[in-house]
N, C-alpha and C. Protein backbone atom coordinates (compact mmCIF):
# COMPACT_ATOMS: atom_id res chain seq x y z
N GLN A 1 84.00 59.44 82.66
CA GLN A 1 83.89 60.62 83.45
C GLN A 1 84.18 61.71 83.91
N VAL A 2 83.99 62.73 83.95
CA VAL A 2 84.69 63.63 85.17
C VAL A 2 82.80 64.75 85.68
N GLN A 3 83.30 64.76 86.87
CA GLN A 3 81.60 65.60 87.31
C GLN A 3 82.18 67.01 87.57
N LEU A 4 81.85 68.03 87.73
CA LEU A 4 82.05 69.19 88.40
C LEU A 4 81.16 69.84 89.20
N VAL A 5 81.11 70.44 90.29
CA VAL A 5 79.96 70.83 91.17
C VAL A 5 80.56 72.19 90.61
N GLU A 6 80.46 73.40 91.00
CA GLU A 6 80.70 74.56 91.05
C GLU A 6 79.76 75.36 92.52
N SER A 7 80.40 76.31 92.78
CA SER A 7 80.02 76.90 94.18
C SER A 7 80.83 78.21 94.35
N GLY A 8 79.97 79.35 95.46
CA GLY A 8 81.26 80.30 95.65
C GLY A 8 80.18 81.57 94.77
N GLY A 9 78.95 81.66 93.94
CA GLY A 9 78.55 82.51 93.53
C GLY A 9 77.96 83.55 94.04
N GLY A 10 77.11 84.36 93.69
CA GLY A 10 76.20 85.59 94.82
C GLY A 10 76.33 86.46 94.23
N LEU A 11 75.28 87.60 94.91
CA LEU A 11 75.37 89.22 94.58
C LEU A 11 76.75 89.92 95.14
N VAL A 12 77.50 90.46 94.57
CA VAL A 12 77.97 92.00 95.35
C VAL A 12 78.18 92.75 94.70
N GLN A 13 78.68 94.04 95.46
CA GLN A 13 79.02 95.31 94.94
C GLN A 13 80.04 95.77 94.00
N PRO A 14 79.51 96.66 93.33
CA PRO A 14 81.08 96.77 92.42
C PRO A 14 82.29 96.75 92.79
N GLY A 15 83.70 96.41 92.37
CA GLY A 15 84.57 96.42 93.46
C GLY A 15 85.28 95.46 94.03
N GLY A 16 83.95 94.93 94.70
CA GLY A 16 84.23 93.74 95.68
C GLY A 16 84.69 92.82 95.34
N SER A 17 84.94 91.67 95.92
CA SER A 17 85.45 90.77 95.72
C SER A 17 84.60 89.29 95.85
N LEU A 18 84.73 88.25 95.04
CA LEU A 18 84.32 86.70 95.05
C LEU A 18 85.25 85.29 94.45
N ARG A 19 85.28 84.28 95.70
CA ARG A 19 85.93 83.36 95.25
C ARG A 19 84.88 82.34 94.57
N LEU A 20 85.28 81.89 93.39
CA LEU A 20 83.98 80.58 92.83
C LEU A 20 85.06 79.35 92.72
N SER A 21 84.14 78.21 93.43
CA SER A 21 84.84 77.05 93.37
C SER A 21 84.62 75.85 92.05
N CYS A 22 85.59 74.83 91.78
CA CYS A 22 84.46 73.86 90.98
C CYS A 22 85.51 72.52 91.52
N ALA A 23 85.14 71.68 92.22
CA ALA A 23 85.53 70.59 92.88
C ALA A 23 84.98 69.19 91.56
N ALA A 24 85.64 68.71 91.67
CA ALA A 24 86.06 67.72 90.31
C ALA A 24 86.20 66.16 91.03
N SER A 25 85.35 64.90 90.45
CA SER A 25 85.09 64.37 90.97
C SER A 25 85.41 63.06 89.58
N GLY A 26 86.11 61.78 89.46
CA GLY A 26 85.54 61.27 88.56
C GLY A 26 86.91 60.58 87.99
N SER A 27 87.39 60.62 86.62
CA SER A 27 88.52 60.33 85.98
C SER A 27 89.38 61.61 86.56
N ILE A 28 89.60 62.16 87.52
CA ILE A 28 90.30 63.52 87.40
C ILE A 28 91.55 62.97 86.77
N SER A 29 92.37 62.27 87.00
CA SER A 29 93.86 61.86 86.31
C SER A 29 93.90 62.07 84.83
N ARG A 30 92.73 62.24 84.38
CA ARG A 30 92.43 62.10 82.76
C ARG A 30 92.67 63.90 82.42
N ILE A 31 92.70 64.40 83.18
CA ILE A 31 92.18 66.10 83.08
C ILE A 31 93.42 67.00 82.45
N TYR A 32 93.33 67.62 81.35
CA TYR A 32 94.39 67.95 80.64
C TYR A 32 94.32 69.68 81.13
N VAL A 33 93.27 70.14 81.17
CA VAL A 33 93.24 71.85 81.21
C VAL A 33 91.93 71.61 81.87
N MET A 34 91.80 72.38 82.81
CA MET A 34 90.44 73.43 83.63
C MET A 34 90.07 74.62 83.56
N GLY A 35 89.14 75.22 83.49
CA GLY A 35 88.71 76.73 83.16
C GLY A 35 87.86 77.08 83.86
N TRP A 36 87.38 78.14 83.76
CA TRP A 36 86.27 78.97 83.32
C TRP A 36 85.68 79.96 82.69
N TYR A 37 84.73 80.00 82.34
CA TYR A 37 83.42 80.24 81.26
C TYR A 37 82.65 81.37 81.98
N ARG A 38 82.13 81.64 81.13
CA ARG A 38 81.12 82.78 81.40
C ARG A 38 79.78 83.08 80.52
N GLN A 39 79.08 82.90 80.85
CA GLN A 39 77.76 83.45 79.71
C GLN A 39 76.75 84.62 80.41
N ALA A 40 76.61 85.64 79.82
CA ALA A 40 75.86 86.77 80.13
C ALA A 40 74.85 87.16 79.31
N PRO A 41 73.62 87.22 79.89
CA PRO A 41 72.35 87.23 79.04
C PRO A 41 72.09 87.63 77.44
N GLY A 42 72.13 87.16 76.68
CA GLY A 42 72.28 87.61 75.85
C GLY A 42 73.71 87.24 74.44
N LYS A 43 74.95 86.74 75.00
CA LYS A 43 75.89 86.64 75.35
C LYS A 43 76.24 85.60 74.79
N GLN A 44 77.59 85.16 73.86
CA GLN A 44 77.40 84.05 73.73
C GLN A 44 78.77 84.02 74.86
N ARG A 45 79.07 81.98 75.14
CA ARG A 45 79.46 81.87 76.26
C ARG A 45 80.75 82.42 76.06
N GLU A 46 81.88 82.75 76.88
CA GLU A 46 83.31 82.92 76.69
C GLU A 46 84.29 82.55 77.82
N LEU A 47 85.61 82.51 77.15
CA LEU A 47 86.48 81.65 78.15
C LEU A 47 87.07 82.78 78.93
N VAL A 48 87.01 83.04 80.31
CA VAL A 48 87.49 83.78 81.39
C VAL A 48 89.21 83.24 81.96
N ALA A 49 89.17 82.16 82.24
CA ALA A 49 90.48 81.64 82.73
C ALA A 49 90.85 80.17 82.88
N ASN A 50 92.29 80.01 82.31
CA ASN A 50 92.06 78.62 82.36
C ASN A 50 93.36 77.67 83.02
N ILE A 51 93.45 76.80 83.20
CA ILE A 51 94.82 76.29 84.07
C ILE A 51 94.92 74.68 83.23
N PHE A 52 96.11 74.85 82.91
CA PHE A 52 96.57 73.09 82.54
C PHE A 52 97.50 72.56 83.89
N SER A 53 97.16 71.38 83.16
CA SER A 53 97.73 70.43 84.03
C SER A 53 99.25 70.39 84.47
N SER A 54 100.02 71.82 83.82
CA SER A 54 101.13 71.75 83.49
C SER A 54 101.64 73.02 84.84
N GLY A 55 100.55 73.63 84.85
CA GLY A 55 100.74 74.66 85.57
C GLY A 55 100.67 76.32 85.19
N SER A 56 100.49 76.10 83.64
CA SER A 56 100.35 77.10 83.15
C SER A 56 98.86 77.69 83.01
N THR A 57 98.25 79.23 83.06
CA THR A 57 97.59 79.87 82.89
C THR A 57 97.27 80.70 81.62
N TYR A 58 95.86 80.96 81.28
CA TYR A 58 95.13 81.75 80.50
C TYR A 58 94.03 82.32 81.10
N TYR A 59 94.50 84.09 80.45
CA TYR A 59 93.37 85.20 80.87
C TYR A 59 92.79 85.72 79.88
N ALA A 60 91.26 86.18 79.67
CA ALA A 60 90.77 86.94 78.74
C ALA A 60 91.43 88.21 79.38
N ASP A 61 91.38 89.35 78.29
CA ASP A 61 91.99 90.24 78.54
C ASP A 61 90.77 90.87 79.48
N SER A 62 89.96 90.83 79.38
CA SER A 62 89.13 91.60 80.08
C SER A 62 88.69 91.08 81.51
N VAL A 63 90.09 90.29 81.79
CA VAL A 63 89.50 90.25 83.90
C VAL A 63 91.69 90.01 83.89
N LYS A 64 92.23 90.11 82.93
CA LYS A 64 93.91 90.40 83.54
C LYS A 64 94.21 91.16 84.37
N GLY A 65 94.89 90.83 85.42
CA GLY A 65 95.33 91.43 86.84
C GLY A 65 93.66 91.46 87.55
N ARG A 66 93.04 90.86 87.55
CA ARG A 66 91.66 91.19 88.70
C ARG A 66 91.29 89.52 89.05
N PHE A 67 91.08 88.98 87.92
CA PHE A 67 91.04 87.65 88.48
C PHE A 67 92.19 86.95 88.48
N THR A 68 92.14 85.47 89.21
CA THR A 68 93.17 84.70 89.55
C THR A 68 92.97 83.13 89.03
N ILE A 69 93.33 82.63 88.59
CA ILE A 69 92.59 80.54 88.37
C ILE A 69 94.03 80.26 89.37
N SER A 70 93.59 79.16 89.90
CA SER A 70 94.37 78.35 90.77
C SER A 70 93.78 76.85 91.04
N ARG A 71 94.24 75.92 91.39
CA ARG A 71 94.40 74.85 91.77
C ARG A 71 95.03 74.28 93.20
N ASP A 72 93.97 72.87 94.56
CA ASP A 72 94.04 72.49 94.94
C ASP A 72 94.38 71.58 94.98
N ASN A 73 95.70 70.60 94.01
CA ASN A 73 95.30 68.93 93.80
C ASN A 73 94.57 67.95 94.55
N ALA A 74 95.08 68.73 95.70
CA ALA A 74 94.21 67.61 96.92
C ALA A 74 93.06 67.74 97.33
N LYS A 75 92.44 68.59 97.03
CA LYS A 75 91.00 68.74 97.19
C LYS A 75 90.50 68.57 95.77
N ASN A 76 91.06 68.47 94.49
CA ASN A 76 90.95 67.98 93.25
C ASN A 76 89.84 69.64 93.21
N THR A 77 90.30 70.66 93.33
CA THR A 77 89.50 72.03 93.26
C THR A 77 90.33 72.69 92.56
N VAL A 78 89.57 73.58 91.61
CA VAL A 78 89.51 75.26 90.64
C VAL A 78 89.06 75.75 91.18
N TYR A 79 90.02 77.01 91.62
CA TYR A 79 89.13 78.52 91.78
C TYR A 79 89.45 79.35 91.51
N LEU A 80 88.52 80.79 91.25
CA LEU A 80 88.47 81.46 90.42
C LEU A 80 88.44 82.61 91.58
N GLN A 81 89.63 83.15 91.89
CA GLN A 81 89.39 84.30 92.69
C GLN A 81 89.41 85.98 92.12
N MET A 82 87.87 86.34 92.02
CA MET A 82 87.54 87.35 91.50
C MET A 82 87.50 88.64 92.09
N SER A 83 88.59 89.85 91.69
CA SER A 83 88.25 90.81 92.16
C SER A 83 88.31 92.01 91.84
N SER A 84 87.88 93.46 91.89
CA SER A 84 87.47 94.49 91.53
C SER A 84 86.61 94.26 90.47
N LEU A 85 85.61 93.17 90.73
CA LEU A 85 84.26 93.24 89.89
C LEU A 85 83.59 94.86 89.61
N LYS A 86 83.58 94.44 88.23
CA LYS A 86 82.50 95.42 87.62
C LYS A 86 81.12 94.72 87.23
N ARG A 87 80.26 95.49 86.62
CA ARG A 87 79.20 95.36 86.24
C ARG A 87 79.03 94.09 85.35
N GLU A 88 79.92 94.58 84.46
CA GLU A 88 79.69 93.72 83.00
C GLU A 88 80.61 91.97 83.40
N ASP A 89 80.88 92.02 84.29
CA ASP A 89 81.29 90.64 84.56
C ASP A 89 79.93 89.61 85.50
N THR A 90 79.13 90.59 85.42
CA THR A 90 77.40 89.90 85.92
C THR A 90 77.61 88.64 84.84
N ALA A 91 77.42 87.49 85.14
CA ALA A 91 77.01 86.34 84.36
C ALA A 91 76.95 85.25 84.64
N VAL A 92 76.59 84.12 84.10
CA VAL A 92 76.81 82.46 84.99
C VAL A 92 77.80 82.32 84.14
N TYR A 93 78.88 81.18 85.66
CA TYR A 93 80.12 81.08 85.74
C TYR A 93 79.60 79.49 85.46
N TYR A 94 80.63 78.68 84.28
CA TYR A 94 80.65 77.27 84.13
C TYR A 94 82.21 76.85 84.55
N CYS A 95 82.05 76.11 85.44
CA CYS A 95 83.52 75.49 84.92
C CYS A 95 83.50 74.03 83.74
N ASN A 96 84.81 74.19 83.45
CA ASN A 96 85.24 73.35 82.39
C ASN A 96 86.20 71.99 82.80
N ALA A 97 86.21 71.14 82.00
CA ALA A 97 87.35 70.14 82.21
C ALA A 97 87.60 69.30 80.86
N ILE A 98 88.65 69.64 80.26
CA ILE A 98 88.74 68.79 79.37
C ILE A 98 89.99 67.36 79.22
N ILE A 99 89.67 66.56 78.77
CA ILE A 99 90.39 64.64 79.53
C ILE A 99 91.47 64.73 78.42
N ALA A 100 92.32 64.05 77.88
CA ALA A 100 93.32 63.83 76.83
C ALA A 100 92.64 63.48 76.05
N ASN A 101 91.58 62.96 75.90
CA ASN A 101 90.75 62.63 74.42
C ASN A 101 89.99 63.63 73.58
N GLY A 102 90.22 65.02 74.42
CA GLY A 102 89.61 65.90 73.76
C GLY A 102 87.91 66.04 74.66
N LEU A 103 87.08 65.12 75.15
CA LEU A 103 86.14 64.93 75.48
C LEU A 103 85.99 65.71 76.80
N ASP A 104 85.38 66.98 76.80
CA ASP A 104 85.08 67.98 77.36
C ASP A 104 83.74 68.08 78.42
N PHE A 105 83.72 68.61 79.79
CA PHE A 105 82.55 68.36 80.91
C PHE A 105 82.90 69.83 81.13
N TRP A 106 81.02 69.71 81.76
CA TRP A 106 80.33 71.31 81.87
C TRP A 106 80.22 71.19 83.51
N GLY A 107 80.11 72.03 84.16
CA GLY A 107 79.49 71.85 85.91
C GLY A 107 77.76 72.91 85.54
N GLN A 108 77.06 73.00 86.36
CA GLN A 108 75.84 73.20 86.21
C GLN A 108 75.70 74.70 86.08
N GLY A 109 76.85 75.54 86.25
CA GLY A 109 76.93 77.16 86.69
C GLY A 109 76.27 77.49 87.68
N THR A 110 77.15 78.82 88.09
CA THR A 110 76.96 79.73 89.12
C THR A 110 76.64 80.94 88.84
N GLN A 111 75.65 81.86 89.59
CA GLN A 111 74.94 82.88 89.07
C GLN A 111 75.96 84.06 89.99
N VAL A 112 77.29 84.85 89.43
CA VAL A 112 77.84 85.83 89.65
C VAL A 112 77.04 87.07 89.02
N THR A 113 76.38 87.93 89.85
CA THR A 113 75.75 89.47 90.11
C THR A 113 76.61 90.32 90.40
N VAL A 114 76.70 91.50 89.96
CA VAL A 114 77.56 92.58 90.47
C VAL A 114 76.80 93.58 90.17
N SER A 115 76.21 94.64 91.23
CA SER A 115 75.46 95.46 91.30
C SER A 115 75.37 96.30 92.78
N SER A 116 74.84 96.96 92.56
CA SER A 116 74.94 98.01 94.16
C SER A 116 73.66 98.22 94.24
């Protein structure tokens, strides 16, 4: 089992920045990939970015060049640095972890609102 706790969401103006954090606990050594998803009202949940145990990363086209995913292994934490935020980035952001046997785990979500 893996437990995930997100933090860092909030209200920000267009063009601003936020950093989300996801602290993992439990069977951390079994984690294969961690990522951030988001779900806007009336839309399906979508993958924003993920980072594999190898260190390789993936970004959705909509956030390339604006968002950066990183991790601090000592703190068992994954971050999503979001810059140049747009109104369309408004969503609930969820942290996800997949362990080696394919099981995945989710955090409770954190709201990001981009508005003036």
